[in-house]
Amino acid sequence: MTDDLFFDTDCLSAFLWINDTNILHELYGGKIILPEPVYHELSNPSIPHIKQRVDVMISSKDVSVKTIVADTEEYKLYTELVRGEKGKRSIGRGEAGGIALAKTYNGILASNNYKDIAPYIEKYNLKHIDTGEILVEALKRKLITEAEGNCIWNKMLAKKRKLPANTFSEYLVKQQKDV
C-alpha cells in the first residue's frame, strides 16, 4: 500500500491497548494519519497511557495528526456525517473524521466499526482495512506467525476490543472463504 491510512479510534486503540504498535510501525510507519477528533478521543484523561503511546508514535514520525479545517471539502463532509445526512443517523466524530479525510485525500480508512461506516465505504468507494486485515498483512510479510497473531488477537479481546472472530486463525479461515 502506498496510500495514507486514516485511522479511526477503534482500529488504532486495538494496538494501543495491548501496547504493541510495532506491526503498525513496520507496515505503515509515516503513513498513519489521525484525524484530530481521533487524537482527542485517544487523549481521554481517564486513560493517560493511551495518549502517551500515541504521542510516542507521533514523536517517532509513525503517526501524524490532521486538523479538519473549516471551509474545506473535508470539513463539509465531516459536519454532514456528525450531524447526520438526510435519512441517516449521525456517526461519531472519529469515524466521520476518518471518512472525510480518506475520501478527500483518496486514502485508506482504517476502522473496525462496520456498523457505522459500511454505508459510506460503499457511497464514497473508499478503500478500507481493519485490525484483522492489518494482522493478515503482517502475517503475509512474515512480521508475525499465525500463533503470534492469535496471541495478539487474544490480548485485544481481553482488552474488550471488538473483533469479527474469536481467534485470528478463525478470522483467516473466514477470509479464505470470502475470496
Protein backbone atom coordinates (compact mmCIF):
# COMPACT_ATOMS: atom_id res chain seq x y z
CA MET A 1 0.00 0.00 0.00
CA THR A 2 1.25 3.44 -0.83
CA ASP A 3 -1.76 5.48 0.28
CA ASP A 4 -2.05 7.25 3.61
CA LEU A 5 -4.15 5.47 6.21
CA PHE A 6 -6.70 7.50 8.13
CA PHE A 7 -7.23 5.66 11.40
CA ASP A 8 -10.36 5.67 13.48
CA THR A 9 -10.06 5.39 17.24
CA ASP A 10 -11.18 1.76 17.46
CA CYS A 11 -8.63 0.39 14.99
CA LEU A 12 -5.62 2.19 16.44
CA SER A 13 -6.68 1.63 20.04
CA ALA A 14 -6.73 -2.15 19.46
CA PHE A 15 -2.94 -1.94 19.16
CA LEU A 16 -2.50 0.80 21.77
CA TRP A 17 -4.41 -1.07 24.48
CA ILE A 18 -2.07 -4.06 24.22
CA ASN A 19 0.98 -1.78 23.88
CA ASP A 20 2.00 -3.41 20.60
CA THR A 21 2.37 -0.90 17.79
CA ASN A 22 5.44 -2.44 16.16
CA ILE A 23 3.31 -4.01 13.40
CA LEU A 24 1.89 -0.58 12.56
CA HIS A 25 5.41 0.87 12.53
CA GLU A 26 6.71 -1.86 10.22
CA LEU A 27 3.75 -1.83 7.82
CA TYR A 28 2.66 1.80 7.76
CA GLY A 29 5.17 3.97 9.64
CA GLY A 30 4.92 7.55 8.37
CA LYS A 31 1.63 6.88 6.55
CA ILE A 32 -0.70 6.81 9.56
CA ILE A 33 -2.82 9.91 9.90
CA LEU A 34 -5.13 10.57 12.80
CA PRO A 35 -7.98 12.98 12.23
CA GLU A 36 -7.78 15.49 15.07
CA PRO A 37 -11.07 14.19 16.60
CA VAL A 38 -9.46 10.74 16.89
CA TYR A 39 -6.45 12.22 18.66
CA HIS A 40 -8.81 13.96 21.08
CA GLU A 41 -10.68 10.70 21.74
CA LEU A 42 -7.36 8.95 22.43
CA SER A 43 -6.36 11.79 24.79
CA ASN A 44 -9.03 10.90 27.36
CA PRO A 45 -7.62 11.88 30.79
CA SER A 46 -9.02 8.70 32.35
CA ILE A 47 -6.67 6.57 30.20
CA PRO A 48 -3.40 8.56 30.11
CA HIS A 49 -1.28 5.60 28.98
CA ILE A 50 -3.14 5.51 25.65
CA LYS A 51 -2.35 9.17 24.94
CA GLN A 52 1.28 8.58 25.96
CA ARG A 53 1.55 5.71 23.48
CA VAL A 54 0.03 7.80 20.69
CA ASP A 55 2.40 10.65 21.49
CA VAL A 56 5.37 8.24 21.21
CA MET A 57 4.14 7.23 17.75
CA ILE A 58 3.81 10.90 16.79
CA SER A 59 7.27 11.79 18.05
CA SER A 60 8.75 8.83 16.14
CA LYS A 61 7.00 10.10 12.97
CA ASP A 62 4.94 6.92 12.54
CA VAL A 63 1.76 8.96 13.07
CA SER A 64 0.70 12.49 12.23
CA VAL A 65 -2.42 14.38 13.28
CA LYS A 66 -4.54 16.17 10.67
CA THR A 67 -6.80 19.04 11.60
CA ILE A 68 -10.07 19.27 9.72
CA VAL A 69 -10.05 22.94 8.80
CA ALA A 70 -13.29 24.92 8.45
CA ASP A 71 -14.45 25.83 4.94
CA THR A 72 -12.75 22.85 3.30
CA GLU A 73 -14.20 19.88 1.43
CA GLU A 74 -13.36 17.52 4.29
CA TYR A 75 -14.93 19.86 6.86
CA LYS A 76 -18.20 19.99 4.94
CA LEU A 77 -18.37 16.19 4.73
CA TYR A 78 -17.26 15.80 8.35
CA THR A 79 -20.02 18.06 9.66
CA GLU A 80 -22.65 16.32 7.48
CA LEU A 81 -21.62 12.95 8.91
CA VAL A 82 -21.54 14.14 12.53
CA ARG A 83 -24.91 15.86 12.19
CA GLY A 84 -26.41 13.01 10.19
CA GLU A 85 -27.06 13.09 6.46
CA LYS A 86 -30.64 13.22 5.30
CA GLY A 87 -32.30 9.95 6.20
CA LYS A 88 -29.24 8.60 8.02
CA ARG A 89 -28.23 8.74 11.63
CA SER A 90 -25.17 10.66 12.74
CA ILE A 91 -21.89 8.88 13.34
CA GLY A 92 -19.08 9.52 15.81
CA ARG A 93 -16.51 12.24 15.32
CA GLY A 94 -13.66 9.77 14.90
CA GLU A 95 -15.42 7.77 12.20
CA ALA A 96 -16.59 10.97 10.50
CA GLY A 97 -13.08 12.41 10.52
CA GLY A 98 -11.58 9.25 9.07
CA ILE A 99 -14.21 9.02 6.32
CA ALA A 100 -13.96 12.71 5.41
CA LEU A 101 -10.16 12.64 5.16
CA ALA A 102 -9.95 9.27 3.39
CA LYS A 103 -12.44 10.49 0.78
CA THR A 104 -10.87 13.91 0.31
CA TYR A 105 -7.28 12.65 0.07
CA ASN A 106 -8.03 9.30 -1.63
CA GLY A 107 -6.60 7.42 1.33
CA ILE A 108 -7.46 4.26 3.15
CA LEU A 109 -9.91 4.23 6.06
CA ALA A 110 -8.70 2.06 8.95
CA SER A 111 -11.69 1.22 11.14
CA ASN A 112 -13.33 -1.76 12.80
CA ASN A 113 -16.71 -0.09 13.15
CA TYR A 114 -18.57 -1.59 10.17
CA LYS A 115 -21.97 -0.75 11.56
CA ASP A 116 -21.34 2.99 11.23
CA ILE A 117 -19.00 3.12 8.24
CA ALA A 118 -20.31 0.49 5.79
CA PRO A 119 -22.79 2.81 4.00
CA TYR A 120 -20.06 5.42 3.48
CA ILE A 121 -17.45 2.93 2.28
CA GLU A 122 -19.89 1.99 -0.45
CA LYS A 123 -21.20 5.51 -1.13
CA TYR A 124 -17.73 7.04 -1.50
CA ASN A 125 -16.00 3.91 -2.84
CA LEU A 126 -13.44 4.08 -0.03
CA LYS A 127 -10.54 1.71 0.41
CA HIS A 128 -10.80 0.18 3.87
CA ILE A 129 -8.84 -2.03 6.25
CA ASP A 130 -9.47 -3.25 9.77
CA THR A 131 -7.42 -4.77 12.58
CA GLY A 132 -7.78 -8.28 11.14
CA GLU A 133 -6.55 -7.21 7.71
CA ILE A 134 -3.58 -5.45 9.32
CA LEU A 135 -2.63 -8.67 11.08
CA VAL A 136 -3.09 -10.65 7.84
CA GLU A 137 -0.72 -8.22 6.08
CA ALA A 138 1.78 -8.68 8.93
CA LEU A 139 1.48 -12.45 8.53
CA LYS A 140 2.00 -12.25 4.75
CA ARG A 141 5.11 -10.11 5.28
CA LYS A 142 6.36 -12.58 7.89
CA LEU A 143 6.34 -9.97 10.66
CA ILE A 144 4.26 -12.39 12.76
CA THR A 145 3.36 -16.06 12.71
CA GLU A 146 -0.21 -17.30 12.92
CA ALA A 147 0.44 -18.27 16.54
CA GLU A 148 1.68 -14.75 17.31
CA GLY A 149 -1.38 -13.37 15.52
CA ASN A 150 -3.58 -15.48 17.80
CA CYS A 151 -1.73 -14.17 20.85
CA ILE A 152 -2.17 -10.55 19.72
CA TRP A 153 -5.86 -11.22 18.91
CA ASN A 154 -6.45 -12.75 22.35
CA LYS A 155 -4.81 -9.78 24.07
CA MET A 156 -7.05 -7.41 22.10
CA LEU A 157 -10.16 -9.37 23.03
CA ALA A 158 -9.05 -9.38 26.68
CA LYS A 159 -8.94 -5.57 26.48
CA LYS A 160 -12.55 -5.58 25.22
CA ARG A 161 -11.66 -4.72 21.62
CA LYS A 162 -14.41 -5.74 19.20
CA LEU A 163 -13.09 -8.14 16.57
CA PRO A 164 -15.03 -10.15 13.98
CA ALA A 165 -13.90 -13.62 15.12
CA ASN A 166 -12.92 -15.46 18.29
CA THR A 167 -9.36 -16.12 17.13
CA PHE A 168 -7.01 -14.89 14.44
CA SER A 169 -6.99 -18.40 12.95
CA GLU A 170 -10.80 -18.30 12.70
CA TYR A 171 -10.53 -14.89 11.01
CA LEU A 172 -8.05 -16.33 8.48
CA VAL A 173 -10.47 -19.16 7.63
CA LYS A 174 -13.32 -16.65 7.15
CA GLN A 175 -11.08 -14.53 4.90
CA GLN A 176 -10.24 -17.53 2.71
CA LYS A 177 -13.93 -18.38 2.33
CA ASP A 178 -14.69 -14.79 1.27
CA VAL A 179 -12.08 -14.89 -1.50
